[in-house]
């Protein structure tokens, strides 16, 4: 699983670039459709024939732990036809989370600094659960500003100057490093907008070098 933290100033097209990455992934399979059906979101399920694009889920930073990773009780071994998780204690109702809906696609965490630590801890647990968690996004991509004001290192013409103090920059970096470490994210610093070659989905910028 690819885990990225994209750190860049505002206006560098982070969300657009992440959506383009989803367009390069294989079409969703029946497992993803099943999760959308259980969540009552089948109308939002990408049609694998008309739109062969992997799921792209971007939950708001106010999402709860259950909203992000779902609710399924202790370590389900299988699911019955009604979507109940079959555990050692018997069936328990299964509720898909955003990580389930991103199965086979991209889970996009915009503004990582705004997410609650407890929510990210829950996501880390299920991502590192060694196969017990029944959903697996291809990539988890998080984004963050380079500082509190968002303009540190911005080299674009007409860009504002960073006004953060040395102390606030140190606090911000410490907090960002802490949250990135929870999910095991690889940091990529970007100072220029991603560009898109006309006629294809090639992304020039932070996505270069990723697997085709």
N, C-alpha and C. Protein backbone atom coordinates (compact mmCIF):
# COMPACT_ATOMS: atom_id res chain seq x y z
N UNK A 1 0.84 -1.19 0.00
CA UNK A 1 0.00 0.00 0.00
C UNK A 1 0.88 1.25 0.00
N UNK A 2 0.55 2.18 -0.86
CA UNK A 2 1.28 3.44 -0.93
C UNK A 2 0.72 4.42 0.10
N UNK A 3 1.60 5.06 0.85
CA UNK A 3 1.18 6.02 1.87
C UNK A 3 2.00 7.30 1.68
N UNK A 4 1.33 8.36 1.30
CA UNK A 4 2.01 9.62 0.99
C UNK A 4 1.46 10.77 1.82
N UNK A 5 2.35 11.69 2.18
CA UNK A 5 1.96 12.97 2.76
C UNK A 5 2.50 14.05 1.83
N UNK A 6 1.59 14.76 1.18
CA UNK A 6 1.96 15.83 0.25
C UNK A 6 1.87 17.16 1.00
N UNK A 7 3.01 17.81 1.16
CA UNK A 7 3.08 19.09 1.86
C UNK A 7 3.33 20.18 0.83
N UNK A 8 2.39 21.11 0.71
CA UNK A 8 2.51 22.15 -0.31
C UNK A 8 1.65 23.35 0.05
N UNK A 9 1.96 24.53 -0.52
CA UNK A 9 1.14 25.72 -0.28
C UNK A 9 -0.23 25.58 -0.93
N UNK A 10 -1.17 26.49 -0.61
CA UNK A 10 -2.49 26.45 -1.25
C UNK A 10 -2.37 26.66 -2.76
N UNK A 11 -3.29 26.06 -3.50
CA UNK A 11 -3.34 26.26 -4.94
C UNK A 11 -2.39 25.41 -5.74
N UNK A 12 -1.88 24.34 -5.15
CA UNK A 12 -0.95 23.46 -5.89
C UNK A 12 -1.65 22.21 -6.42
N UNK A 13 -2.97 22.21 -6.46
CA UNK A 13 -3.78 21.18 -7.12
C UNK A 13 -3.56 19.78 -6.52
N UNK A 14 -3.47 19.71 -5.22
CA UNK A 14 -3.24 18.42 -4.58
C UNK A 14 -4.42 17.47 -4.78
N UNK A 15 -5.63 17.98 -4.61
CA UNK A 15 -6.80 17.12 -4.75
C UNK A 15 -6.97 16.65 -6.19
N UNK A 16 -6.78 17.55 -7.14
CA UNK A 16 -6.90 17.18 -8.55
C UNK A 16 -5.89 16.11 -8.91
N UNK A 17 -4.65 16.27 -8.45
CA UNK A 17 -3.62 15.29 -8.75
C UNK A 17 -3.95 13.93 -8.17
N UNK A 18 -4.49 13.92 -6.93
CA UNK A 18 -4.86 12.65 -6.31
C UNK A 18 -6.00 11.98 -7.07
N UNK A 19 -6.97 12.78 -7.54
CA UNK A 19 -8.05 12.21 -8.34
C UNK A 19 -7.53 11.61 -9.64
N UNK A 20 -6.55 12.26 -10.24
CA UNK A 20 -5.98 11.73 -11.47
C UNK A 20 -5.27 10.40 -11.22
N UNK A 21 -4.67 10.27 -10.04
CA UNK A 21 -4.04 8.99 -9.71
C UNK A 21 -5.06 7.87 -9.66
N UNK A 22 -6.25 8.18 -9.12
CA UNK A 22 -7.31 7.18 -9.07
C UNK A 22 -7.70 6.72 -10.47
N UNK A 23 -7.61 7.61 -11.45
CA UNK A 23 -7.96 7.27 -12.82
C UNK A 23 -6.95 6.32 -13.45
N UNK A 24 -5.78 6.18 -12.83
CA UNK A 24 -4.76 5.29 -13.36
C UNK A 24 -4.83 3.89 -12.74
N UNK A 25 -5.71 3.72 -11.76
CA UNK A 25 -5.84 2.43 -11.08
C UNK A 25 -6.89 1.57 -11.78
N UNK A 26 -6.85 0.24 -11.56
CA UNK A 26 -7.85 -0.64 -12.17
C UNK A 26 -9.26 -0.32 -11.68
N UNK A 27 -10.25 -0.70 -12.47
CA UNK A 27 -11.65 -0.48 -12.10
C UNK A 27 -11.99 -1.25 -10.83
N UNK A 28 -12.95 -0.75 -10.04
CA UNK A 28 -13.31 -1.42 -8.79
C UNK A 28 -13.91 -2.80 -9.03
N UNK A 29 -13.71 -3.68 -8.07
CA UNK A 29 -14.21 -5.04 -8.17
C UNK A 29 -15.51 -5.23 -7.41
N UNK A 30 -16.01 -6.46 -7.33
CA UNK A 30 -17.30 -6.73 -6.66
C UNK A 30 -17.25 -6.45 -5.17
N UNK A 31 -16.08 -6.56 -4.53
CA UNK A 31 -16.02 -6.28 -3.10
C UNK A 31 -16.36 -4.83 -2.82
N UNK A 32 -15.84 -3.93 -3.64
CA UNK A 32 -16.11 -2.51 -3.45
C UNK A 32 -17.60 -2.21 -3.65
N UNK A 33 -18.19 -2.83 -4.65
CA UNK A 33 -19.63 -2.64 -4.89
C UNK A 33 -20.44 -3.10 -3.68
N UNK A 34 -20.00 -4.22 -3.06
CA UNK A 34 -20.70 -4.75 -1.90
C UNK A 34 -20.66 -3.76 -0.74
N UNK A 35 -19.51 -3.11 -0.54
CA UNK A 35 -19.41 -2.13 0.54
C UNK A 35 -20.31 -0.93 0.29
N UNK A 36 -20.37 -0.46 -0.96
CA UNK A 36 -21.25 0.66 -1.29
C UNK A 36 -22.71 0.27 -1.07
N UNK A 37 -23.06 -0.96 -1.41
CA UNK A 37 -24.44 -1.42 -1.23
C UNK A 37 -24.82 -1.46 0.24
N UNK A 38 -23.91 -1.96 1.09
CA UNK A 38 -24.18 -2.02 2.53
C UNK A 38 -24.30 -0.64 3.14
N UNK A 39 -23.56 0.32 2.59
CA UNK A 39 -23.61 1.68 3.10
C UNK A 39 -24.78 2.48 2.56
N UNK A 40 -25.56 1.89 1.65
CA UNK A 40 -26.67 2.61 1.04
C UNK A 40 -26.23 3.67 0.06
N UNK A 41 -25.05 3.49 -0.54
CA UNK A 41 -24.50 4.48 -1.46
C UNK A 41 -24.28 3.89 -2.84
N UNK A 42 -25.10 2.92 -3.21
CA UNK A 42 -24.88 2.24 -4.48
C UNK A 42 -24.99 3.19 -5.66
N UNK A 43 -25.81 4.26 -5.52
CA UNK A 43 -25.94 5.21 -6.62
C UNK A 43 -24.65 6.00 -6.83
N UNK A 44 -23.79 6.05 -5.80
CA UNK A 44 -22.52 6.75 -5.93
C UNK A 44 -21.39 5.82 -6.36
N UNK A 45 -21.72 4.54 -6.56
CA UNK A 45 -20.68 3.57 -6.95
C UNK A 45 -20.25 3.81 -8.38
N UNK A 46 -18.93 3.90 -8.64
CA UNK A 46 -18.48 4.13 -10.02
C UNK A 46 -18.79 2.94 -10.92
N UNK A 47 -19.47 3.20 -12.01
CA UNK A 47 -19.81 2.15 -12.96
C UNK A 47 -18.52 1.64 -13.61
N UNK A 48 -18.16 0.36 -13.41
CA UNK A 48 -16.90 -0.14 -13.97
C UNK A 48 -16.88 -0.20 -15.49
N UNK A 49 -18.06 -0.06 -16.12
CA UNK A 49 -18.12 -0.10 -17.58
C UNK A 49 -18.14 1.31 -18.18
N UNK A 50 -19.01 2.15 -17.64
CA UNK A 50 -19.09 3.52 -18.16
C UNK A 50 -17.94 4.38 -17.63
N UNK A 51 -17.53 4.14 -16.37
CA UNK A 51 -16.47 4.93 -15.76
C UNK A 51 -15.50 3.98 -15.05
N UNK A 52 -14.58 3.40 -15.78
CA UNK A 52 -13.63 2.44 -15.18
C UNK A 52 -12.58 3.13 -14.32
N UNK A 53 -13.01 3.71 -13.21
CA UNK A 53 -12.13 4.46 -12.34
C UNK A 53 -12.21 3.89 -10.93
N UNK A 54 -11.08 3.77 -10.28
CA UNK A 54 -11.06 3.26 -8.91
C UNK A 54 -11.72 4.27 -7.96
N UNK A 55 -12.22 3.81 -6.82
CA UNK A 55 -12.87 4.73 -5.88
C UNK A 55 -11.91 5.79 -5.36
N UNK A 56 -12.45 6.97 -5.14
CA UNK A 56 -11.71 8.07 -4.54
C UNK A 56 -12.56 8.63 -3.42
N UNK A 57 -12.12 8.44 -2.18
CA UNK A 57 -12.88 8.89 -1.03
C UNK A 57 -12.08 9.95 -0.27
N UNK A 58 -12.73 11.07 0.01
CA UNK A 58 -12.08 12.18 0.69
C UNK A 58 -12.93 12.62 1.88
N UNK A 59 -12.87 11.88 2.99
CA UNK A 59 -13.67 12.25 4.17
C UNK A 59 -13.22 13.58 4.76
N UNK A 60 -14.18 14.31 5.34
CA UNK A 60 -13.86 15.58 6.00
C UNK A 60 -13.08 15.30 7.27
N UNK A 61 -12.28 16.27 7.69
CA UNK A 61 -11.45 16.04 8.87
C UNK A 61 -12.24 15.90 10.16
N UNK A 62 -13.53 16.21 10.13
CA UNK A 62 -14.37 16.02 11.32
C UNK A 62 -14.94 14.61 11.40
N UNK A 63 -14.59 13.73 10.48
CA UNK A 63 -15.11 12.37 10.48
C UNK A 63 -14.73 11.66 11.77
N UNK A 64 -15.64 10.82 12.26
CA UNK A 64 -15.36 10.05 13.46
C UNK A 64 -14.56 8.80 13.10
N UNK A 65 -14.06 8.13 14.13
CA UNK A 65 -13.31 6.90 13.89
C UNK A 65 -14.20 5.85 13.24
N UNK A 66 -15.45 5.74 13.68
CA UNK A 66 -16.37 4.77 13.08
C UNK A 66 -16.68 5.15 11.64
N UNK A 67 -16.85 6.44 11.39
CA UNK A 67 -17.10 6.88 10.02
C UNK A 67 -15.93 6.60 9.10
N UNK A 68 -14.73 6.58 9.64
CA UNK A 68 -13.54 6.36 8.83
C UNK A 68 -13.24 4.88 8.62
N UNK A 69 -13.31 4.09 9.68
CA UNK A 69 -12.90 2.67 9.56
C UNK A 69 -14.07 1.71 9.68
N UNK A 70 -15.28 2.21 9.95
CA UNK A 70 -16.44 1.34 10.03
C UNK A 70 -16.59 0.72 11.41
N UNK A 71 -17.65 -0.02 11.56
CA UNK A 71 -17.96 -0.69 12.82
C UNK A 71 -18.30 -2.14 12.49
N UNK A 72 -17.49 -3.06 12.99
CA UNK A 72 -17.69 -4.46 12.63
C UNK A 72 -17.46 -5.42 13.77
N UNK A 73 -17.25 -4.94 14.98
CA UNK A 73 -17.07 -5.87 16.08
C UNK A 73 -15.70 -6.50 16.05
N UNK A 74 -15.46 -7.49 16.88
CA UNK A 74 -14.14 -8.09 17.00
C UNK A 74 -13.78 -9.00 15.84
N UNK A 75 -12.85 -8.57 15.02
CA UNK A 75 -12.20 -9.38 14.00
C UNK A 75 -13.15 -10.31 13.22
N UNK A 76 -13.93 -9.78 12.29
CA UNK A 76 -14.84 -10.65 11.52
C UNK A 76 -14.06 -11.62 10.63
N UNK A 77 -14.58 -12.80 10.51
CA UNK A 77 -13.96 -13.81 9.65
C UNK A 77 -14.63 -13.87 8.28
N UNK A 78 -15.91 -13.48 8.22
CA UNK A 78 -16.64 -13.52 6.95
C UNK A 78 -17.88 -12.66 7.11
N UNK A 79 -18.62 -12.49 6.00
CA UNK A 79 -19.85 -11.71 6.02
C UNK A 79 -20.98 -12.57 5.47
N UNK A 80 -22.15 -12.49 6.12
CA UNK A 80 -23.29 -13.18 5.55
C UNK A 80 -23.93 -12.30 4.48
N UNK A 81 -25.01 -12.76 3.88
CA UNK A 81 -25.61 -12.04 2.75
C UNK A 81 -26.25 -10.73 3.15
N UNK A 82 -26.54 -10.57 4.42
CA UNK A 82 -27.14 -9.32 4.88
C UNK A 82 -26.09 -8.32 5.32
N UNK A 83 -24.83 -8.68 5.21
CA UNK A 83 -23.77 -7.76 5.58
C UNK A 83 -23.40 -7.83 7.04
N UNK A 84 -23.81 -8.90 7.74
CA UNK A 84 -23.45 -9.05 9.14
C UNK A 84 -22.10 -9.74 9.25
N UNK A 85 -21.24 -9.20 10.10
CA UNK A 85 -19.93 -9.80 10.29
C UNK A 85 -20.06 -11.03 11.16
N UNK A 86 -19.55 -12.16 10.70
CA UNK A 86 -19.62 -13.40 11.45
C UNK A 86 -18.40 -13.50 12.35
N UNK A 87 -18.59 -13.32 13.63
CA UNK A 87 -17.51 -13.36 14.60
C UNK A 87 -17.66 -14.61 15.46
N UNK A 88 -16.72 -14.75 16.39
CA UNK A 88 -16.80 -15.91 17.29
C UNK A 88 -18.03 -15.83 18.18
N UNK A 89 -18.57 -14.63 18.36
CA UNK A 89 -19.76 -14.45 19.19
C UNK A 89 -21.04 -14.51 18.37
N UNK A 90 -20.94 -14.77 17.09
CA UNK A 90 -22.11 -14.80 16.23
C UNK A 90 -22.17 -13.59 15.34
N UNK A 91 -23.21 -13.47 14.49
CA UNK A 91 -23.31 -12.34 13.55
C UNK A 91 -23.44 -11.01 14.27
N UNK A 92 -22.80 -10.02 13.73
CA UNK A 92 -22.92 -8.65 14.24
C UNK A 92 -23.04 -7.72 13.04
N UNK A 93 -23.93 -6.75 13.14
CA UNK A 93 -24.21 -5.89 12.01
C UNK A 93 -22.97 -5.11 11.59
N UNK A 94 -22.72 -5.10 10.29
CA UNK A 94 -21.51 -4.49 9.73
C UNK A 94 -21.85 -3.13 9.14
N UNK A 95 -21.05 -2.12 9.47
CA UNK A 95 -21.24 -0.77 8.94
C UNK A 95 -19.96 -0.34 8.24
N UNK A 96 -19.98 -0.20 6.91
CA UNK A 96 -18.76 0.20 6.20
C UNK A 96 -18.33 1.62 6.57
N UNK A 97 -17.02 1.83 6.57
CA UNK A 97 -16.46 3.16 6.77
C UNK A 97 -15.85 3.68 5.47
N UNK A 98 -15.27 4.84 5.54
CA UNK A 98 -14.65 5.43 4.34
C UNK A 98 -13.52 4.55 3.81
N UNK A 99 -12.81 3.87 4.69
CA UNK A 99 -11.73 2.99 4.23
C UNK A 99 -12.27 1.81 3.43
N UNK A 100 -13.49 1.33 3.78
CA UNK A 100 -14.12 0.28 2.99
C UNK A 100 -14.51 0.80 1.61
N UNK A 101 -15.08 2.01 1.59
CA UNK A 101 -15.53 2.57 0.32
C UNK A 101 -14.36 2.93 -0.59
N UNK A 102 -13.17 3.04 -0.02
CA UNK A 102 -11.96 3.30 -0.81
C UNK A 102 -11.24 2.01 -1.19
N UNK A 103 -11.86 0.86 -0.94
CA UNK A 103 -11.23 -0.43 -1.23
C UNK A 103 -10.84 -0.51 -2.71
N UNK A 104 -9.57 -0.79 -2.97
CA UNK A 104 -9.10 -0.85 -4.35
C UNK A 104 -8.84 0.51 -4.97
N UNK A 105 -8.98 1.58 -4.19
CA UNK A 105 -8.80 2.93 -4.73
C UNK A 105 -7.95 3.78 -3.81
N UNK A 106 -8.32 5.05 -3.67
CA UNK A 106 -7.52 6.01 -2.91
C UNK A 106 -8.34 6.59 -1.76
N UNK A 107 -7.77 6.57 -0.58
CA UNK A 107 -8.33 7.26 0.58
C UNK A 107 -7.55 8.56 0.75
N UNK A 108 -8.24 9.68 0.57
CA UNK A 108 -7.59 10.99 0.53
C UNK A 108 -7.92 11.76 1.81
N UNK A 109 -6.90 12.09 2.59
CA UNK A 109 -7.07 12.81 3.85
C UNK A 109 -6.54 14.23 3.68
N UNK A 110 -7.41 15.13 3.28
CA UNK A 110 -7.02 16.52 3.05
C UNK A 110 -6.89 17.25 4.37
N UNK A 111 -5.84 18.04 4.50
CA UNK A 111 -5.55 18.80 5.73
C UNK A 111 -5.37 17.85 6.93
N UNK A 112 -4.33 17.07 6.86
CA UNK A 112 -4.06 16.07 7.90
C UNK A 112 -3.98 16.68 9.30
N UNK A 113 -3.48 17.89 9.40
CA UNK A 113 -3.31 18.53 10.71
C UNK A 113 -4.64 18.75 11.43
N UNK A 114 -5.73 18.74 10.70
CA UNK A 114 -7.04 18.99 11.31
C UNK A 114 -7.70 17.71 11.82
N UNK A 115 -7.20 16.55 11.45
CA UNK A 115 -7.80 15.29 11.90
C UNK A 115 -7.46 15.03 13.36
N UNK A 116 -8.40 14.42 14.07
CA UNK A 116 -8.14 14.05 15.46
C UNK A 116 -7.13 12.90 15.52
N UNK A 117 -6.25 12.96 16.48
CA UNK A 117 -5.24 11.93 16.62
C UNK A 117 -5.88 10.55 16.84
N UNK A 118 -6.94 10.51 17.65
CA UNK A 118 -7.59 9.22 17.93
C UNK A 118 -8.17 8.60 16.66
N UNK A 119 -8.68 9.44 15.75
CA UNK A 119 -9.19 8.94 14.48
C UNK A 119 -8.08 8.34 13.63
N UNK A 120 -6.94 9.01 13.57
CA UNK A 120 -5.81 8.50 12.80
C UNK A 120 -5.25 7.22 13.43
N UNK A 121 -5.29 7.13 14.75
CA UNK A 121 -4.83 5.92 15.43
C UNK A 121 -5.71 4.74 15.04
N UNK A 122 -7.02 4.97 14.93
CA UNK A 122 -7.93 3.91 14.51
C UNK A 122 -7.63 3.46 13.09
N UNK A 123 -7.34 4.41 12.21
CA UNK A 123 -7.01 4.07 10.84
C UNK A 123 -5.70 3.30 10.77
N UNK A 124 -4.72 3.69 11.57
CA UNK A 124 -3.45 2.96 11.58
C UNK A 124 -3.66 1.51 11.99
N UNK A 125 -4.51 1.30 12.97
CA UNK A 125 -4.74 -0.07 13.46
C UNK A 125 -5.28 -0.97 12.35
N UNK A 126 -6.26 -0.47 11.61
CA UNK A 126 -6.86 -1.33 10.58
C UNK A 126 -5.95 -1.47 9.36
N UNK A 127 -5.13 -0.45 9.06
CA UNK A 127 -4.22 -0.57 7.92
C UNK A 127 -3.08 -1.54 8.21
N UNK A 128 -2.70 -1.65 9.48
CA UNK A 128 -1.59 -2.53 9.87
C UNK A 128 -2.08 -3.83 10.49
N UNK A 129 -3.33 -4.18 10.25
CA UNK A 129 -3.94 -5.31 10.96
C UNK A 129 -3.61 -6.66 10.36
N UNK A 130 -2.71 -6.71 9.40
CA UNK A 130 -2.25 -7.99 8.88
C UNK A 130 -3.29 -8.82 8.17
N UNK A 131 -4.23 -8.20 7.50
CA UNK A 131 -5.20 -8.95 6.70
C UNK A 131 -6.52 -9.21 7.39
N UNK A 132 -6.65 -8.90 8.68
CA UNK A 132 -7.93 -9.11 9.36
C UNK A 132 -8.97 -8.08 8.94
N UNK A 133 -8.52 -6.89 8.58
CA UNK A 133 -9.45 -5.85 8.13
C UNK A 133 -9.84 -6.14 6.69
N UNK A 134 -11.13 -6.23 6.39
CA UNK A 134 -11.56 -6.71 5.07
C UNK A 134 -11.48 -5.70 3.93
N UNK A 135 -10.93 -4.51 4.16
CA UNK A 135 -10.82 -3.52 3.09
C UNK A 135 -9.38 -3.04 3.02
N UNK A 136 -8.95 -2.73 1.82
CA UNK A 136 -7.57 -2.32 1.63
C UNK A 136 -7.47 -1.31 0.49
N UNK A 137 -7.39 0.00 0.82
CA UNK A 137 -7.14 0.98 -0.25
C UNK A 137 -5.78 0.74 -0.90
N UNK A 138 -5.67 1.07 -2.17
CA UNK A 138 -4.38 0.96 -2.84
C UNK A 138 -3.42 2.02 -2.31
N UNK A 139 -3.96 3.19 -1.98
CA UNK A 139 -3.12 4.28 -1.50
C UNK A 139 -3.86 5.11 -0.47
N UNK A 140 -3.12 5.57 0.52
CA UNK A 140 -3.60 6.57 1.47
C UNK A 140 -2.77 7.82 1.23
N UNK A 141 -3.42 8.88 0.79
CA UNK A 141 -2.72 10.13 0.47
C UNK A 141 -3.26 11.23 1.38
N UNK A 142 -2.38 11.82 2.15
CA UNK A 142 -2.74 12.93 3.03
C UNK A 142 -2.07 14.20 2.53
N UNK A 143 -2.65 15.34 2.87
CA UNK A 143 -2.06 16.62 2.48
C UNK A 143 -1.96 17.52 3.70
N UNK A 144 -1.07 18.48 3.61
CA UNK A 144 -0.89 19.45 4.68
C UNK A 144 -0.22 20.69 4.13
N UNK A 145 -0.44 21.81 4.81
CA UNK A 145 0.26 23.05 4.50
C UNK A 145 1.69 22.95 5.04
N UNK A 146 2.63 23.72 4.49
CA UNK A 146 4.00 23.67 5.00
C UNK A 146 4.18 24.40 6.34
N UNK A 147 3.19 25.21 6.72
CA UNK A 147 3.26 25.93 8.00
C UNK A 147 1.85 26.40 8.34
N UNK A 148 1.71 27.14 9.45
CA UNK A 148 0.39 27.60 9.86
C UNK A 148 -0.24 28.53 8.83
N UNK A 149 0.54 29.44 8.26
CA UNK A 149 -0.02 30.38 7.28
C UNK A 149 -0.09 29.77 5.89
N UNK A 150 0.69 28.72 5.64
CA UNK A 150 0.63 28.02 4.37
C UNK A 150 1.59 28.49 3.30
N UNK A 151 2.44 29.45 3.59
CA UNK A 151 3.27 30.05 2.54
C UNK A 151 4.77 29.79 2.71
N UNK A 152 5.15 28.96 3.63
CA UNK A 152 6.58 28.66 3.81
C UNK A 152 7.12 27.96 2.56
N UNK A 153 8.20 28.48 2.01
CA UNK A 153 8.84 27.86 0.86
C UNK A 153 8.11 28.04 -0.45
N UNK A 154 7.07 28.88 -0.49
CA UNK A 154 6.31 29.09 -1.73
C UNK A 154 7.14 29.96 -2.68
N UNK A 155 7.59 29.38 -3.79
CA UNK A 155 8.46 30.08 -4.74
C UNK A 155 7.71 30.62 -5.95
N UNK A 156 6.40 30.55 -5.96
CA UNK A 156 5.64 31.03 -7.12
C UNK A 156 5.66 32.55 -7.19
N UNK A 157 5.54 33.05 -8.40
CA UNK A 157 5.52 34.50 -8.61
C UNK A 157 4.28 35.10 -7.94
N UNK A 158 4.49 36.13 -7.17
CA UNK A 158 3.37 36.78 -6.50
C UNK A 158 2.93 36.11 -5.22
N UNK A 159 3.65 35.07 -4.79
CA UNK A 159 3.26 34.35 -3.58
C UNK A 159 3.50 35.21 -2.34
N UNK A 160 2.70 35.02 -1.32
CA UNK A 160 2.86 35.75 -0.08
C UNK A 160 4.07 35.20 0.70
N UNK A 161 4.60 36.04 1.53
CA UNK A 161 5.73 35.65 2.37
C UNK A 161 5.22 35.00 3.66
N UNK A 162 5.94 33.99 4.11
CA UNK A 162 5.58 33.33 5.36
C UNK A 162 5.84 34.28 6.53
N UNK A 163 4.86 34.39 7.42
CA UNK A 163 4.98 35.27 8.58
C UNK A 163 5.03 34.49 9.89
N UNK A 164 5.20 33.19 9.81
CA UNK A 164 5.24 32.37 11.02
C UNK A 164 6.56 32.58 11.75
N UNK A 165 6.50 32.59 13.05
CA UNK A 165 7.71 32.72 13.87
C UNK A 165 8.48 31.40 13.88
N UNK A 166 9.71 31.48 14.32
CA UNK A 166 10.54 30.27 14.40
C UNK A 166 9.91 29.26 15.36
N UNK A 167 9.35 29.76 16.47
CA UNK A 167 8.73 28.87 17.44
C UNK A 167 7.50 28.17 16.87
N UNK A 168 6.66 28.94 16.14
CA UNK A 168 5.45 28.34 15.57
C UNK A 168 5.80 27.34 14.48
N UNK A 169 6.85 27.60 13.70
CA UNK A 169 7.29 26.65 12.69
C UNK A 169 7.75 25.35 13.33
N UNK A 170 8.46 25.46 14.44
CA UNK A 170 8.93 24.26 15.14
C UNK A 170 7.76 23.46 15.69
N UNK A 171 6.76 24.15 16.25
CA UNK A 171 5.58 23.45 16.76
C UNK A 171 4.83 22.76 15.64
N UNK A 172 4.69 23.45 14.53
CA UNK A 172 3.95 22.88 13.39
C UNK A 172 4.66 21.63 12.87
N UNK A 173 5.97 21.73 12.67
CA UNK A 173 6.72 20.58 12.15
C UNK A 173 6.65 19.40 13.09
N UNK A 174 6.72 19.65 14.39
CA UNK A 174 6.66 18.56 15.36
C UNK A 174 5.30 17.87 15.31
N UNK A 175 4.24 18.66 15.22
CA UNK A 175 2.89 18.10 15.16
C UNK A 175 2.68 17.32 13.87
N UNK A 176 3.12 17.89 12.75
CA UNK A 176 2.95 17.24 11.46
C UNK A 176 3.74 15.93 11.40
N UNK A 177 4.96 15.95 11.90
CA UNK A 177 5.78 14.74 11.92
C UNK A 177 5.13 13.66 12.77
N UNK A 178 4.54 14.06 13.87
CA UNK A 178 3.87 13.11 14.77
C UNK A 178 2.68 12.44 14.09
N UNK A 179 1.84 13.24 13.43
CA UNK A 179 0.67 12.68 12.78
C UNK A 179 1.06 11.82 11.58
N UNK A 180 2.06 12.23 10.82
CA UNK A 180 2.50 11.44 9.68
C UNK A 180 3.07 10.10 10.13
N UNK A 181 3.74 10.09 11.28
CA UNK A 181 4.33 8.85 11.78
C UNK A 181 3.25 7.85 12.20
N UNK A 182 2.10 8.34 12.63
CA UNK A 182 1.02 7.44 13.03
C UNK A 182 0.61 6.53 11.88
N UNK A 183 0.50 7.10 10.67
CA UNK A 183 0.07 6.33 9.51
C UNK A 183 1.24 5.83 8.67
N UNK A 184 2.47 6.15 9.07
CA UNK A 184 3.62 5.71 8.30
C UNK A 184 3.69 6.36 6.93
N UNK A 185 3.39 7.66 6.87
CA UNK A 185 3.34 8.37 5.60
C UNK A 185 4.73 8.81 5.15
N UNK A 186 4.98 8.71 3.86
CA UNK A 186 6.22 9.20 3.26
C UNK A 186 5.97 10.63 2.80
N UNK A 187 6.77 11.55 3.29
CA UNK A 187 6.54 12.97 3.02
C UNK A 187 7.12 13.39 1.67
N UNK A 188 6.32 14.16 0.92
CA UNK A 188 6.75 14.74 -0.35
C UNK A 188 6.44 16.23 -0.30
N UNK A 189 7.47 17.06 -0.39
CA UNK A 189 7.29 18.51 -0.37
C UNK A 189 7.18 19.05 -1.79
N UNK A 190 6.15 19.85 -2.05
CA UNK A 190 5.87 20.38 -3.38
C UNK A 190 5.79 21.90 -3.28
N UNK A 191 6.45 22.60 -4.19
CA UNK A 191 6.41 24.07 -4.19
C UNK A 191 5.77 24.63 -5.45
N UNK A 192 5.40 23.78 -6.40
CA UNK A 192 4.78 24.25 -7.65
C UNK A 192 3.57 23.40 -7.94
N UNK A 193 2.57 23.95 -8.63
CA UNK A 193 1.36 23.18 -8.94
C UNK A 193 1.67 22.00 -9.83
N UNK A 194 0.89 20.93 -9.66
CA UNK A 194 0.98 19.80 -10.58
C UNK A 194 0.42 20.21 -11.93
N UNK A 195 1.01 19.73 -13.00
CA UNK A 195 0.54 20.03 -14.35
C UNK A 195 0.11 18.75 -15.02
N UNK A 196 -0.84 18.87 -15.94
CA UNK A 196 -1.43 17.70 -16.57
C UNK A 196 -1.23 17.78 -18.07
N UNK A 197 -0.60 16.76 -18.63
CA UNK A 197 -0.37 16.74 -20.07
C UNK A 197 -1.69 16.50 -20.79
N UNK A 198 -1.99 17.34 -21.74
CA UNK A 198 -3.26 17.25 -22.47
C UNK A 198 -3.30 15.96 -23.28
N UNK A 199 -4.43 15.25 -23.19
CA UNK A 199 -4.62 14.03 -23.96
C UNK A 199 -4.27 12.77 -23.21
N UNK A 200 -3.72 12.89 -21.98
CA UNK A 200 -3.46 11.71 -21.16
C UNK A 200 -3.56 12.11 -19.71
N UNK A 201 -3.32 11.15 -18.83
CA UNK A 201 -3.47 11.39 -17.41
C UNK A 201 -2.13 11.52 -16.71
N UNK A 202 -1.08 11.77 -17.47
CA UNK A 202 0.23 11.88 -16.86
C UNK A 202 0.30 13.12 -15.99
N UNK A 203 0.81 12.98 -14.79
CA UNK A 203 0.89 14.09 -13.86
C UNK A 203 2.35 14.47 -13.69
N UNK A 204 2.67 15.73 -13.97
CA UNK A 204 4.02 16.22 -13.76
C UNK A 204 4.08 16.87 -12.39
N UNK A 205 4.97 16.42 -11.54
CA UNK A 205 5.04 16.95 -10.19
C UNK A 205 5.28 15.83 -9.21
N UNK A 206 4.53 15.83 -8.11
CA UNK A 206 4.81 14.90 -7.02
C UNK A 206 4.45 13.46 -7.36
N UNK A 207 3.68 13.20 -8.42
CA UNK A 207 3.28 11.82 -8.70
C UNK A 207 4.26 11.09 -9.63
N UNK A 208 5.27 11.78 -10.13
CA UNK A 208 6.20 11.12 -11.03
C UNK A 208 6.99 10.05 -10.28
N UNK A 209 7.24 8.97 -10.96
CA UNK A 209 7.96 7.88 -10.35
C UNK A 209 7.08 6.85 -9.69
N UNK A 210 5.75 7.10 -9.64
CA UNK A 210 4.84 6.12 -9.08
C UNK A 210 4.59 5.02 -10.09
N UNK A 211 4.19 3.84 -9.62
CA UNK A 211 3.97 2.72 -10.55
C UNK A 211 2.83 3.00 -11.51
N UNK A 212 2.99 2.53 -12.73
CA UNK A 212 1.93 2.70 -13.73
C UNK A 212 0.76 1.78 -13.40
